């Protein structure tokens, strides 16, 4: 097994999930960009050093997981494909790529096309919206969704900048803005500063492509917006669906459960905290809008690292069984 992008937050999460899976005894090769090469970590309880990508980095691999930046994936994709290993992308680089197969459990089934060697694992945000659209398809629903993005999408640097900005602002100091070129602490945004290399417009386009790739051709594409939330981790989504068919709350719940969403109790609404370390997608009980007939509100959350990492390992288990 090769984790390409091993120093990333997602790479570290994937390594943890692999070590808890039936691949725990497999040889694990950790590679990343030159700037991270030489970093000391551990694999299988033993010290390990992250290596740069070299011509033989992917040799004899059964599966290669891309967990770093999209640009890192694009740079090394052809080398990975030449190895004839299964390539499983979690970086978002292959969102909407016609050569890759988008895969999430139960929706794409447990019979992934092993003839394909290129797979994309959607983000937790994309999976939530896609499953909600699939659940409500028979009701001819028009869906609008707002996804709230944590700073961990920018990696460790993003997490550290939110942490430092929070402390600086509470100490009445000007916040540092190296990563986002704007204040992200205590602030909701639809874009970052012009000098930031993290563009929310690009993230939004990738999210929409991710969702479309998950949906059956006959399923209408939801309208989607992406906003920055001043939190470290967690994927959260608020959605409104207008149903053309009259339906009661139990029927809506049943369809959501059938689509792979876990309904929480009224007293335990999902949040980025409640889903931390969990692999399931949590959905609050749907609420009918009393002012607008046929309109329903949905609130969902998932661990933005654990969920795609778990899905990637499940796919590898299907492909390599």
C-alpha atoms as a PDB file:
ATOM      1  CA  UNK A   1       0.000   0.000   0.000  1.00  0.00           C
ATOM      2  CA  UNK A   2       1.257   3.471  -0.879  1.00  0.00           C
ATOM      3  CA  UNK A   3       0.012   6.686   0.717  1.00  0.00           C
ATOM      4  CA  UNK A   4       1.002   9.553  -1.569  1.00  0.00           C
ATOM      5  CA  UNK A   5       0.612  12.684   0.522  1.00  0.00           C
ATOM      6  CA  UNK A   6       1.395  10.904   3.780  1.00  0.00           C
ATOM      7  CA  UNK A   7       2.196  14.065   5.762  1.00  0.00           C
ATOM      8  CA  UNK A   8      -1.249  15.605   5.131  1.00  0.00           C
ATOM      9  CA  UNK A   9      -4.037  15.462   7.698  1.00  0.00           C
ATOM     10  CA  UNK A  10      -5.974  13.136   5.398  1.00  0.00           C
ATOM     11  CA  UNK A  11      -2.886  10.997   4.810  1.00  0.00           C
ATOM     12  CA  UNK A  12      -2.370  10.531   8.531  1.00  0.00           C
ATOM     13  CA  UNK A  13      -6.046   9.673   9.006  1.00  0.00           C
ATOM     14  CA  UNK A  14      -5.918   7.148   6.164  1.00  0.00           C
ATOM     15  CA  UNK A  15      -2.847   5.507   7.683  1.00  0.00           C
ATOM     16  CA  UNK A  16      -4.729   5.135  10.963  1.00  0.00           C
ATOM     17  CA  UNK A  17      -7.740   3.561   9.237  1.00  0.00           C
ATOM     18  CA  UNK A  18      -5.524   1.189   7.222  1.00  0.00           C
ATOM     19  CA  UNK A  19      -3.826   0.046  10.426  1.00  0.00           C
ATOM     20  CA  UNK A  20      -7.247  -0.813  11.864  1.00  0.00           C
ATOM     21  CA  UNK A  21      -8.321  -2.738   8.744  1.00  0.00           C
ATOM     22  CA  UNK A  22      -7.459  -6.115   7.294  1.00  0.00           C
ATOM     23  CA  UNK A  23      -4.511  -4.399   5.611  1.00  0.00           C
ATOM     24  CA  UNK A  24      -2.821  -3.827   8.976  1.00  0.00           C
ATOM     25  CA  UNK A  25      -0.104  -6.366   8.158  1.00  0.00           C
ATOM     26  CA  UNK A  26       0.552  -4.992   4.664  1.00  0.00           C
ATOM     27  CA  UNK A  27       3.742  -3.176   3.764  1.00  0.00           C
ATOM     28  CA  UNK A  28       3.021   0.546   3.902  1.00  0.00           C
ATOM     29  CA  UNK A  29       5.041   3.006   1.809  1.00  0.00           C
ATOM     30  CA  UNK A  30       4.779   6.703   2.692  1.00  0.00           C
ATOM     31  CA  UNK A  31       5.648   9.329   0.078  1.00  0.00           C
ATOM     32  CA  UNK A  32       5.023  13.043  -0.303  1.00  0.00           C
ATOM     33  CA  UNK A  33       6.267  16.260  -1.850  1.00  0.00           C
ATOM     34  CA  UNK A  34       9.976  17.112  -1.610  1.00  0.00           C
ATOM     35  CA  UNK A  35       9.360  19.676   1.139  1.00  0.00           C
ATOM     36  CA  UNK A  36       7.995  16.940   3.433  1.00  0.00           C
ATOM     37  CA  UNK A  37      10.530  14.236   2.535  1.00  0.00           C
ATOM     38  CA  UNK A  38      12.600  13.051   5.462  1.00  0.00           C
ATOM     39  CA  UNK A  39       9.850  13.653   8.025  1.00  0.00           C
ATOM     40  CA  UNK A  40       9.856  11.018  10.740  1.00  0.00           C
ATOM     41  CA  UNK A  41       6.573   9.259  11.489  1.00  0.00           C
ATOM     42  CA  UNK A  42       5.483   5.716  12.279  1.00  0.00           C
ATOM     43  CA  UNK A  43       3.761   2.906  10.429  1.00  0.00           C
ATOM     44  CA  UNK A  44       2.509  -0.275  12.034  1.00  0.00           C
ATOM     45  CA  UNK A  45       4.048   0.772  15.330  1.00  0.00           C
ATOM     46  CA  UNK A  46       7.509   1.126  13.803  1.00  0.00           C
ATOM     47  CA  UNK A  47       9.462   4.298  12.946  1.00  0.00           C
ATOM     48  CA  UNK A  48       9.049   5.334   9.301  1.00  0.00           C
ATOM     49  CA  UNK A  49      10.420   8.117   7.147  1.00  0.00           C
ATOM     50  CA  UNK A  50       8.357   9.864   4.481  1.00  0.00           C
ATOM     51  CA  UNK A  51      10.139   9.588   1.136  1.00  0.00           C
ATOM     52  CA  UNK A  52      10.004  11.780  -1.973  1.00  0.00           C
ATOM     53  CA  UNK A  53       8.339  10.352  -5.070  1.00  0.00           C
ATOM     54  CA  UNK A  54      10.901   8.522  -7.215  1.00  0.00           C
ATOM     55  CA  UNK A  55      10.547   6.426 -10.397  1.00  0.00           C
ATOM     56  CA  UNK A  56      10.103   3.219  -8.373  1.00  0.00           C
ATOM     57  CA  UNK A  57       7.946   4.646  -5.558  1.00  0.00           C
ATOM     58  CA  UNK A  58       4.818   2.914  -6.840  1.00  0.00           C
ATOM     59  CA  UNK A  59       6.476  -0.327  -7.979  1.00  0.00           C
ATOM     60  CA  UNK A  60       4.706  -3.518  -6.865  1.00  0.00           C
ATOM     61  CA  UNK A  61       1.941  -1.544  -5.143  1.00  0.00           C
ATOM     62  CA  UNK A  62      -1.510  -3.106  -4.863  1.00  0.00           C
ATOM     63  CA  UNK A  63      -3.208   0.240  -4.178  1.00  0.00           C
ATOM     64  CA  UNK A  64      -2.034   3.841  -4.236  1.00  0.00           C
ATOM     65  CA  UNK A  65      -3.951   6.433  -2.216  1.00  0.00           C
ATOM     66  CA  UNK A  66      -3.505  10.113  -3.105  1.00  0.00           C
ATOM     67  CA  UNK A  67      -4.215  12.222  -0.012  1.00  0.00           C
ATOM     68  CA  UNK A  68      -2.164  15.384  -0.586  1.00  0.00           C
ATOM     69  CA  UNK A  69      -2.835  18.445  -2.710  1.00  0.00           C
ATOM     70  CA  UNK A  70      -4.592  18.207  -6.065  1.00  0.00           C
ATOM     71  CA  UNK A  71      -1.468  19.527  -7.794  1.00  0.00           C
ATOM     72  CA  UNK A  72       0.650  16.776  -6.190  1.00  0.00           C
ATOM     73  CA  UNK A  73      -1.828  14.184  -7.464  1.00  0.00           C
ATOM     74  CA  UNK A  74      -1.808  15.594 -10.995  1.00  0.00           C
ATOM     75  CA  UNK A  75       2.002  15.683 -11.045  1.00  0.00           C
ATOM     76  CA  UNK A  76       2.354  12.023 -10.083  1.00  0.00           C
ATOM     77  CA  UNK A  77      -0.787  10.463 -11.539  1.00  0.00           C
ATOM     78  CA  UNK A  78       0.754   9.041 -14.700  1.00  0.00           C
ATOM     79  CA  UNK A  79       3.601   7.433 -12.756  1.00  0.00           C
ATOM     80  CA  UNK A  80       1.045   5.846 -10.434  1.00  0.00           C
ATOM     81  CA  UNK A  81      -1.082   4.595 -13.332  1.00  0.00           C
ATOM     82  CA  UNK A  82       1.965   3.077 -14.988  1.00  0.00           C
ATOM     83  CA  UNK A  83       2.387   0.792 -11.960  1.00  0.00           C
ATOM     84  CA  UNK A  84      -0.962  -0.895 -12.792  1.00  0.00           C
ATOM     85  CA  UNK A  85      -1.984  -0.564  -9.146  1.00  0.00           C
ATOM     86  CA  UNK A  86      -5.454   0.591  -8.197  1.00  0.00           C
ATOM     87  CA  UNK A  87      -5.289   4.374  -7.842  1.00  0.00           C
ATOM     88  CA  UNK A  88      -7.686   5.777  -5.226  1.00  0.00           C
ATOM     89  CA  UNK A  89      -7.804   9.571  -5.107  1.00  0.00           C
ATOM     90  CA  UNK A  90      -8.954  11.475  -2.025  1.00  0.00           C
ATOM     91  CA  UNK A  91      -7.339  14.788  -2.986  1.00  0.00           C
ATOM     92  CA  UNK A  92     -10.162  16.053  -5.194  1.00  0.00           C
ATOM     93  CA  UNK A  93      -7.929  16.172  -8.253  1.00  0.00           C
ATOM     94  CA  UNK A  94     -10.114  13.671 -10.116  1.00  0.00           C
ATOM     95  CA  UNK A  95     -13.459  15.268  -9.268  1.00  0.00           C
ATOM     96  CA  UNK A  96     -15.457  15.091 -12.491  1.00  0.00           C
ATOM     97  CA  UNK A  97     -12.666  13.279 -14.364  1.00  0.00           C
ATOM     98  CA  UNK A  98     -14.350  11.122 -17.003  1.00  0.00           C
ATOM     99  CA  UNK A  99     -11.653   8.427 -16.730  1.00  0.00           C
ATOM    100  CA  UNK A 100     -12.156   7.865 -13.011  1.00  0.00           C
ATOM    101  CA  UNK A 101     -14.998   6.133 -11.191  1.00  0.00           C
ATOM    102  CA  UNK A 102     -16.553   8.001  -8.269  1.00  0.00           C
ATOM    103  CA  UNK A 103     -17.254   5.572  -5.429  1.00  0.00           C
ATOM    104  CA  UNK A 104     -19.107   5.655  -2.116  1.00  0.00           C
ATOM    105  CA  UNK A 105     -20.389   2.543  -0.322  1.00  0.00           C
ATOM    106  CA  UNK A 106     -23.969   1.356  -0.866  1.00  0.00           C
ATOM    107  CA  UNK A 107     -24.621   3.979  -3.560  1.00  0.00           C
ATOM    108  CA  UNK A 108     -22.073   2.542  -5.987  1.00  0.00           C
ATOM    109  CA  UNK A 109     -22.496  -0.878  -4.445  1.00  0.00           C
ATOM    110  CA  UNK A 110     -19.952  -3.362  -3.184  1.00  0.00           C
ATOM    111  CA  UNK A 111     -19.123  -4.464  -6.713  1.00  0.00           C
ATOM    112  CA  UNK A 112     -16.711  -1.745  -7.837  1.00  0.00           C
ATOM    113  CA  UNK A 113     -15.607  -2.275 -11.421  1.00  0.00           C
ATOM    114  CA  UNK A 114     -12.228  -3.904 -10.898  1.00  0.00           C
ATOM    115  CA  UNK A 115     -11.476  -3.405 -14.594  1.00  0.00           C
ATOM    116  CA  UNK A 116     -11.115   0.277 -13.828  1.00  0.00           C
ATOM    117  CA  UNK A 117      -7.862   1.242 -12.130  1.00  0.00           C
ATOM    118  CA  UNK A 118      -8.741   4.852 -11.316  1.00  0.00           C
ATOM    119  CA  UNK A 119     -11.181   5.793  -8.546  1.00  0.00           C
ATOM    120  CA  UNK A 120     -12.215   9.024  -6.844  1.00  0.00           C
ATOM    121  CA  UNK A 121     -13.471   9.166  -3.258  1.00  0.00           C
ATOM    122  CA  UNK A 122     -15.824  12.141  -2.792  1.00  0.00           C
ATOM    123  CA  UNK A 123     -15.422  14.539   0.100  1.00  0.00           C
ATOM    124  CA  UNK A 124     -17.712  14.212   3.108  1.00  0.00           C
ATOM    125  CA  UNK A 125     -19.576  17.356   2.001  1.00  0.00           C
ATOM    126  CA  UNK A 126     -20.177  15.903  -1.457  1.00  0.00           C
ATOM    127  CA  UNK A 127     -21.321  12.565  -0.076  1.00  0.00           C
ATOM    128  CA  UNK A 128     -23.850  14.183   2.272  1.00  0.00           C
ATOM    129  CA  UNK A 129     -25.437  16.231  -0.524  1.00  0.00           C
ATOM    130  CA  UNK A 130     -25.369  13.336  -2.992  1.00  0.00           C
ATOM    131  CA  UNK A 131     -27.035  10.937  -0.564  1.00  0.00           C
ATOM    132  CA  UNK A 132     -29.682  13.516   0.299  1.00  0.00           C
ATOM    133  CA  UNK A 133     -30.416  14.057  -3.398  1.00  0.00           C
ATOM    134  CA  UNK A 134     -30.646  10.294  -3.942  1.00  0.00           C
ATOM    135  CA  UNK A 135     -32.980   9.932  -0.938  1.00  0.00           C
ATOM    136  CA  UNK A 136     -35.403  12.583  -2.199  1.00  0.00           C
ATOM    137  CA  UNK A 137     -35.265  11.784  -5.917  1.00  0.00           C
ATOM    138  CA  UNK A 138     -38.633  10.002  -5.958  1.00  0.00           C
ATOM    139  CA  UNK A 139     -40.278  13.101  -4.471  1.00  0.00           C
ATOM    140  CA  UNK A 140     -39.111  15.263  -7.408  1.00  0.00           C
ATOM    141  CA  UNK A 141     -37.269  17.458  -4.939  1.00  0.00           C
ATOM    142  CA  UNK A 142     -35.632  20.764  -5.761  1.00  0.00           C
ATOM    143  CA  UNK A 143     -32.679  20.955  -3.351  1.00  0.00           C
ATOM    144  CA  UNK A 144     -30.494  23.862  -2.300  1.00  0.00           C
ATOM    145  CA  UNK A 145     -27.550  23.151   0.014  1.00  0.00           C
ATOM    146  CA  UNK A 146     -24.924  25.197   1.815  1.00  0.00           C
ATOM    147  CA  UNK A 147     -21.732  23.366   2.797  1.00  0.00           C
ATOM    148  CA  UNK A 148     -19.604  24.790   5.604  1.00  0.00           C
ATOM    149  CA  UNK A 149     -15.867  24.298   5.117  1.00  0.00           C
ATOM    150  CA  UNK A 150     -13.422  23.910   8.058  1.00  0.00           C
ATOM    151  CA  UNK A 151      -9.872  25.269   7.952  1.00  0.00           C
ATOM    152  CA  UNK A 152      -8.440  21.734   7.933  1.00  0.00           C
ATOM    153  CA  UNK A 153      -9.005  21.679   4.154  1.00  0.00           C
ATOM    154  CA  UNK A 154      -5.840  23.801   4.065  1.00  0.00           C
ATOM    155  CA  UNK A 155      -3.944  21.199   6.074  1.00  0.00           C
ATOM    156  CA  UNK A 156      -1.932  21.686   9.218  1.00  0.00           C
ATOM    157  CA  UNK A 157      -1.057  25.238   8.179  1.00  0.00           C
ATOM    158  CA  UNK A 158      -4.749  26.155   8.046  1.00  0.00           C
ATOM    159  CA  UNK A 159      -5.421  24.646  11.471  1.00  0.00           C
ATOM    160  CA  UNK A 160      -2.437  26.481  12.957  1.00  0.00           C
ATOM    161  CA  UNK A 161      -3.512  29.804  11.423  1.00  0.00           C
ATOM    162  CA  UNK A 162      -7.010  29.593  12.920  1.00  0.00           C
ATOM    163  CA  UNK A 163      -5.489  28.674  16.280  1.00  0.00           C
ATOM    164  CA  UNK A 164      -3.000  31.552  16.193  1.00  0.00           C
ATOM    165  CA  UNK A 165      -5.570  34.074  14.952  1.00  0.00           C
ATOM    166  CA  UNK A 166      -7.936  33.123  17.763  1.00  0.00           C
ATOM    167  CA  UNK A 167      -5.250  33.726  20.374  1.00  0.00           C
ATOM    168  CA  UNK A 168      -4.078  36.947  18.737  1.00  0.00           C
ATOM    169  CA  UNK A 169      -7.560  38.435  18.513  1.00  0.00           C
ATOM    170  CA  UNK A 170      -8.379  37.520  22.110  1.00  0.00           C
ATOM    171  CA  UNK A 171      -5.151  39.299  23.073  1.00  0.00           C
ATOM    172  CA  UNK A 172      -6.115  42.368  20.995  1.00  0.00           C
ATOM    173  CA  UNK A 173      -3.283  41.738  18.510  1.00  0.00           C
ATOM    174  CA  UNK A 174      -3.585  41.892  14.708  1.00  0.00           C
ATOM    175  CA  UNK A 175      -4.062  38.369  13.313  1.00  0.00           C
ATOM    176  CA  UNK A 176      -1.518  36.728  11.022  1.00  0.00           C
ATOM    177  CA  UNK A 177      -2.882  36.008   7.546  1.00  0.00           C
ATOM    178  CA  UNK A 178      -0.195  33.942   5.802  1.00  0.00           C
ATOM    179  CA  UNK A 179      -2.439  31.037   4.734  1.00  0.00           C
ATOM    180  CA  UNK A 180      -5.825  32.655   4.075  1.00  0.00           C
ATOM    181  CA  UNK A 181      -4.883  36.314   3.585  1.00  0.00           C
ATOM    182  CA  UNK A 182      -7.861  37.308   5.713  1.00  0.00           C
ATOM    183  CA  UNK A 183      -9.295  36.837   9.179  1.00  0.00           C
ATOM    184  CA  UNK A 184     -10.804  33.371   9.436  1.00  0.00           C
ATOM    185  CA  UNK A 185     -11.239  33.307  13.218  1.00  0.00           C
ATOM    186  CA  UNK A 186     -14.672  34.443  14.456  1.00  0.00           C
ATOM    187  CA  UNK A 187     -15.640  35.055  10.836  1.00  0.00           C
ATOM    188  CA  UNK A 188     -17.897  33.531   8.165  1.00  0.00           C
ATOM    189  CA  UNK A 189     -16.744  33.998   4.570  1.00  0.00           C
ATOM    190  CA  UNK A 190     -17.546  33.059   0.983  1.00  0.00           C
ATOM    191  CA  UNK A 191     -13.972  33.769  -0.164  1.00  0.00           C
ATOM    192  CA  UNK A 192     -10.457  34.173   1.199  1.00  0.00           C
ATOM    193  CA  UNK A 193      -8.023  37.030   0.537  1.00  0.00           C
ATOM    194  CA  UNK A 194      -6.710  37.564  -2.976  1.00  0.00           C
ATOM    195  CA  UNK A 195      -3.175  36.476  -2.015  1.00  0.00           C
ATOM    196  CA  UNK A 196      -4.290  33.120  -0.578  1.00  0.00           C
ATOM    197  CA  UNK A 197      -3.528  30.081  -2.709  1.00  0.00           C
ATOM    198  CA  UNK A 198      -6.679  28.443  -1.317  1.00  0.00           C
ATOM    199  CA  UNK A 199      -9.528  29.615  -3.547  1.00  0.00           C
ATOM    200  CA  UNK A 200     -13.029  28.893  -2.337  1.00  0.00           C
ATOM    201  CA  UNK A 201     -14.343  29.345  -5.875  1.00  0.00           C
ATOM    202  CA  UNK A 202     -12.162  26.414  -6.961  1.00  0.00           C
ATOM    203  CA  UNK A 203     -13.228  24.374  -3.941  1.00  0.00           C
ATOM    204  CA  UNK A 204     -16.862  25.060  -4.787  1.00  0.00           C
ATOM    205  CA  UNK A 205     -16.389  23.942  -8.389  1.00  0.00           C
ATOM    206  CA  UNK A 206     -14.669  20.745  -7.204  1.00  0.00           C
ATOM    207  CA  UNK A 207     -17.519  20.134  -4.730  1.00  0.00           C
ATOM    208  CA  UNK A 208     -20.146  20.498  -7.443  1.00  0.00           C
ATOM    209  CA  UNK A 209     -18.200  18.161  -9.743  1.00  0.00           C
ATOM    210  CA  UNK A 210     -17.837  15.667  -6.899  1.00  0.00           C
ATOM    211  CA  UNK A 211     -21.586  15.691  -6.244  1.00  0.00           C
ATOM    212  CA  UNK A 212     -22.514  15.342  -9.905  1.00  0.00           C
ATOM    213  CA  UNK A 213     -20.177  12.354 -10.282  1.00  0.00           C
ATOM    214  CA  UNK A 214     -21.924  10.602  -7.372  1.00  0.00           C
ATOM    215  CA  UNK A 215     -25.439  11.024  -8.739  1.00  0.00           C
ATOM    216  CA  UNK A 216     -27.309   8.832 -11.167  1.00  0.00           C
ATOM    217  CA  UNK A 217     -27.820  10.643 -14.507  1.00  0.00           C
ATOM    218  CA  UNK A 218     -31.564  11.011 -13.879  1.00  0.00           C
ATOM    219  CA  UNK A 219     -31.078  12.654 -10.456  1.00  0.00           C
ATOM    220  CA  UNK A 220     -31.342  16.469 -10.605  1.00  0.00           C
ATOM    221  CA  UNK A 221     -28.244  18.341  -9.488  1.00  0.00           C
ATOM    222  CA  UNK A 222     -28.801  20.323  -6.261  1.00  0.00           C
ATOM    223  CA  UNK A 223     -27.903  24.010  -6.099  1.00  0.00           C
ATOM    224  CA  UNK A 224     -24.812  24.220  -3.886  1.00  0.00           C
ATOM    225  CA  UNK A 225     -22.936  27.018  -2.119  1.00  0.00           C
ATOM    226  CA  UNK A 226     -19.756  26.759  -0.021  1.00  0.00           C
ATOM    227  CA  UNK A 227     -18.934  28.945   2.992  1.00  0.00           C
ATOM    228  CA  UNK A 228     -15.965  29.113   5.340  1.00  0.00           C
ATOM    229  CA  UNK A 229     -16.827  28.278   8.951  1.00  0.00           C
ATOM    230  CA  UNK A 230     -14.356  29.236  11.719  1.00  0.00           C
ATOM    231  CA  UNK A 231     -13.891  25.647  12.939  1.00  0.00           C
ATOM    232  CA  UNK A 232     -10.931  23.299  12.780  1.00  0.00           C
ATOM    233  CA  UNK A 233     -12.541  20.063  11.570  1.00  0.00           C
ATOM    234  CA  UNK A 234     -15.846  18.618  10.416  1.00  0.00           C
ATOM    235  CA  UNK A 235     -18.092  18.764   7.366  1.00  0.00           C
ATOM    236  CA  UNK A 236     -21.508  20.309   7.990  1.00  0.00           C
ATOM    237  CA  UNK A 237     -24.323  20.921   5.505  1.00  0.00           C
ATOM    238  CA  UNK A 238     -27.628  22.795   5.711  1.00  0.00           C
ATOM    239  CA  UNK A 239     -30.134  21.996   2.954  1.00  0.00           C
ATOM    240  CA  UNK A 240     -33.669  22.886   1.969  1.00  0.00           C
ATOM    241  CA  UNK A 241     -35.708  20.605  -0.292  1.00  0.00           C
ATOM    242  CA  UNK A 242     -39.042  21.499  -1.835  1.00  0.00           C
ATOM    243  CA  UNK A 243     -40.985  18.301  -2.508  1.00  0.00           C
ATOM    244  CA  UNK A 244     -43.635  18.125  -5.206  1.00  0.00           C
ATOM    245  CA  UNK A 245     -45.187  15.108  -3.500  1.00  0.00           C
ATOM    246  CA  UNK A 246     -46.997  15.402  -0.161  1.00  0.00           C
ATOM    247  CA  UNK A 247     -45.240  13.225   2.411  1.00  0.00           C
ATOM    248  CA  UNK A 248     -45.027  12.832   6.189  1.00  0.00           C
ATOM    249  CA  UNK A 249     -41.887  13.032   8.304  1.00  0.00           C
ATOM    250  CA  UNK A 250     -41.613   9.270   8.845  1.00  0.00           C
ATOM    251  CA  UNK A 251     -41.514   8.676   5.085  1.00  0.00           C
ATOM    252  CA  UNK A 252     -38.812  11.312   4.636  1.00  0.00           C
ATOM    253  CA  UNK A 253     -36.788   9.749   7.459  1.00  0.00           C
ATOM    254  CA  UNK A 254     -37.109   6.272   5.948  1.00  0.00           C
ATOM    255  CA  UNK A 255     -35.851   7.462   2.574  1.00  0.00           C
ATOM    256  CA  UNK A 256     -32.888   9.223   4.168  1.00  0.00           C
ATOM    257  CA  UNK A 257     -31.955   6.129   6.185  1.00  0.00           C
ATOM    258  CA  UNK A 258     -32.239   3.985   3.055  1.00  0.00           C
ATOM    259  CA  UNK A 259     -29.808   6.382   1.356  1.00  0.00           C
ATOM    260  CA  UNK A 260     -27.178   5.811   4.047  1.00  0.00           C
ATOM    261  CA  UNK A 261     -27.779   8.762   6.379  1.00  0.00           C
ATOM    262  CA  UNK A 262     -27.903   8.084  10.131  1.00  0.00           C
ATOM    263  CA  UNK A 263     -30.789   9.938  11.799  1.00  0.00           C
ATOM    264  CA  UNK A 264     -29.913  11.288  15.245  1.00  0.00           C
ATOM    265  CA  UNK A 265     -32.352  12.000  18.067  1.00  0.00           C
ATOM    266  CA  UNK A 266     -33.899  15.407  18.618  1.00  0.00           C
ATOM    267  CA  UNK A 267     -31.751  15.795  21.742  1.00  0.00           C
ATOM    268  CA  UNK A 268     -28.461  14.923  19.996  1.00  0.00           C
ATOM    269  CA  UNK A 269     -28.282  17.063  16.881  1.00  0.00           C
ATOM    270  CA  UNK A 270     -25.227  16.382  14.686  1.00  0.00           C
ATOM    271  CA  UNK A 271     -22.294  18.784  14.691  1.00  0.00           C
ATOM    272  CA  UNK A 272     -18.635  18.902  13.764  1.00  0.00           C
ATOM    273  CA  UNK A 273     -17.925  17.885  17.389  1.00  0.00           C
ATOM    274  CA  UNK A 274     -20.386  14.982  17.583  1.00  0.00           C
ATOM    275  CA  UNK A 275     -18.951  13.425  14.418  1.00  0.00           C
ATOM    276  CA  UNK A 276     -15.256  13.756  15.356  1.00  0.00           C
ATOM    277  CA  UNK A 277     -13.619  10.349  14.980  1.00  0.00           C
ATOM    278  CA  UNK A 278     -16.835   8.786  13.642  1.00  0.00           C
ATOM    279  CA  UNK A 279     -17.191   7.291  10.172  1.00  0.00           C
ATOM    280  CA  UNK A 280     -20.984   7.680   9.797  1.00  0.00           C
ATOM    281  CA  UNK A 281     -22.938  10.532   8.224  1.00  0.00           C
ATOM    282  CA  UNK A 282     -25.244  12.068  10.832  1.00  0.00           C
ATOM    283  CA  UNK A 283     -28.531  13.752   9.926  1.00  0.00           C
ATOM    284  CA  UNK A 284     -30.856  15.607  12.300  1.00  0.00           C
ATOM    285  CA  UNK A 285     -34.546  14.650  12.029  1.00  0.00           C
ATOM    286  CA  UNK A 286     -35.954  16.459   8.956  1.00  0.00           C
ATOM    287  CA  UNK A 287     -38.087  19.505   9.731  1.00  0.00           C
ATOM    288  CA  UNK A 288     -41.072  20.645   7.676  1.00  0.00           C
ATOM    289  CA  UNK A 289     -41.114  24.389   6.991  1.00  0.00           C
ATOM    290  CA  UNK A 290     -44.444  25.475   8.465  1.00  0.00           C
ATOM    291  CA  UNK A 291     -44.478  28.678   6.380  1.00  0.00           C
ATOM    292  CA  UNK A 292     -43.810  27.049   2.993  1.00  0.00           C
ATOM    293  CA  UNK A 293     -45.844  23.973   1.971  1.00  0.00           C
ATOM    294  CA  UNK A 294     -43.670  21.133   0.703  1.00  0.00           C
ATOM    295  CA  UNK A 295     -40.403  22.621   2.004  1.00  0.00           C
ATOM    296  CA  UNK A 296     -38.192  20.561   4.332  1.00  0.00           C
ATOM    297  CA  UNK A 297     -35.002  21.505   6.177  1.00  0.00           C
ATOM    298  CA  UNK A 298     -32.028  19.181   6.706  1.00  0.00           C
ATOM    299  CA  UNK A 299     -28.931  19.511   8.870  1.00  0.00           C
ATOM    300  CA  UNK A 300     -26.089  16.985   8.525  1.00  0.00           C
ATOM    301  CA  UNK A 301     -22.514  16.521   9.692  1.00  0.00           C
ATOM    302  CA  UNK A 302     -19.566  14.164   9.222  1.00  0.00           C
ATOM    303  CA  UNK A 303     -15.881  13.916  10.077  1.00  0.00           C
ATOM    304  CA  UNK A 304     -14.257  15.433   6.979  1.00  0.00           C
ATOM    305  CA  UNK A 305     -11.137  13.262   7.390  1.00  0.00           C
ATOM    306  CA  UNK A 306     -12.434   9.999   8.859  1.00  0.00           C
ATOM    307  CA  UNK A 307     -15.325   9.530   6.423  1.00  0.00           C
ATOM    308  CA  UNK A 308     -13.406   9.664   3.113  1.00  0.00           C
ATOM    309  CA  UNK A 309     -10.517   7.689   4.620  1.00  0.00           C
ATOM    310  CA  UNK A 310     -12.928   4.945   5.729  1.00  0.00           C
ATOM    311  CA  UNK A 311     -14.581   4.894   2.302  1.00  0.00           C
ATOM    312  CA  UNK A 312     -11.188   4.604   0.577  1.00  0.00           C
ATOM    313  CA  UNK A 313     -10.202   1.607   2.697  1.00  0.00           C
ATOM    314  CA  UNK A 314     -13.600  -0.035   2.097  1.00  0.00           C
ATOM    315  CA  UNK A 315     -13.064   0.381  -1.643  1.00  0.00           C
ATOM    316  CA  UNK A 316      -9.600  -1.180  -1.390  1.00  0.00           C
ATOM    317  CA  UNK A 317     -11.121  -4.129   0.464  1.00  0.00           C
ATOM    318  CA  UNK A 318     -13.676  -4.592  -2.327  1.00  0.00           C
ATOM    319  CA  UNK A 319     -11.062  -4.335  -5.081  1.00  0.00           C
ATOM    320  CA  UNK A 320      -8.474  -6.582  -3.427  1.00  0.00           C
ATOM    321  CA  UNK A 321     -10.764  -9.322  -2.100  1.00  0.00           C
END
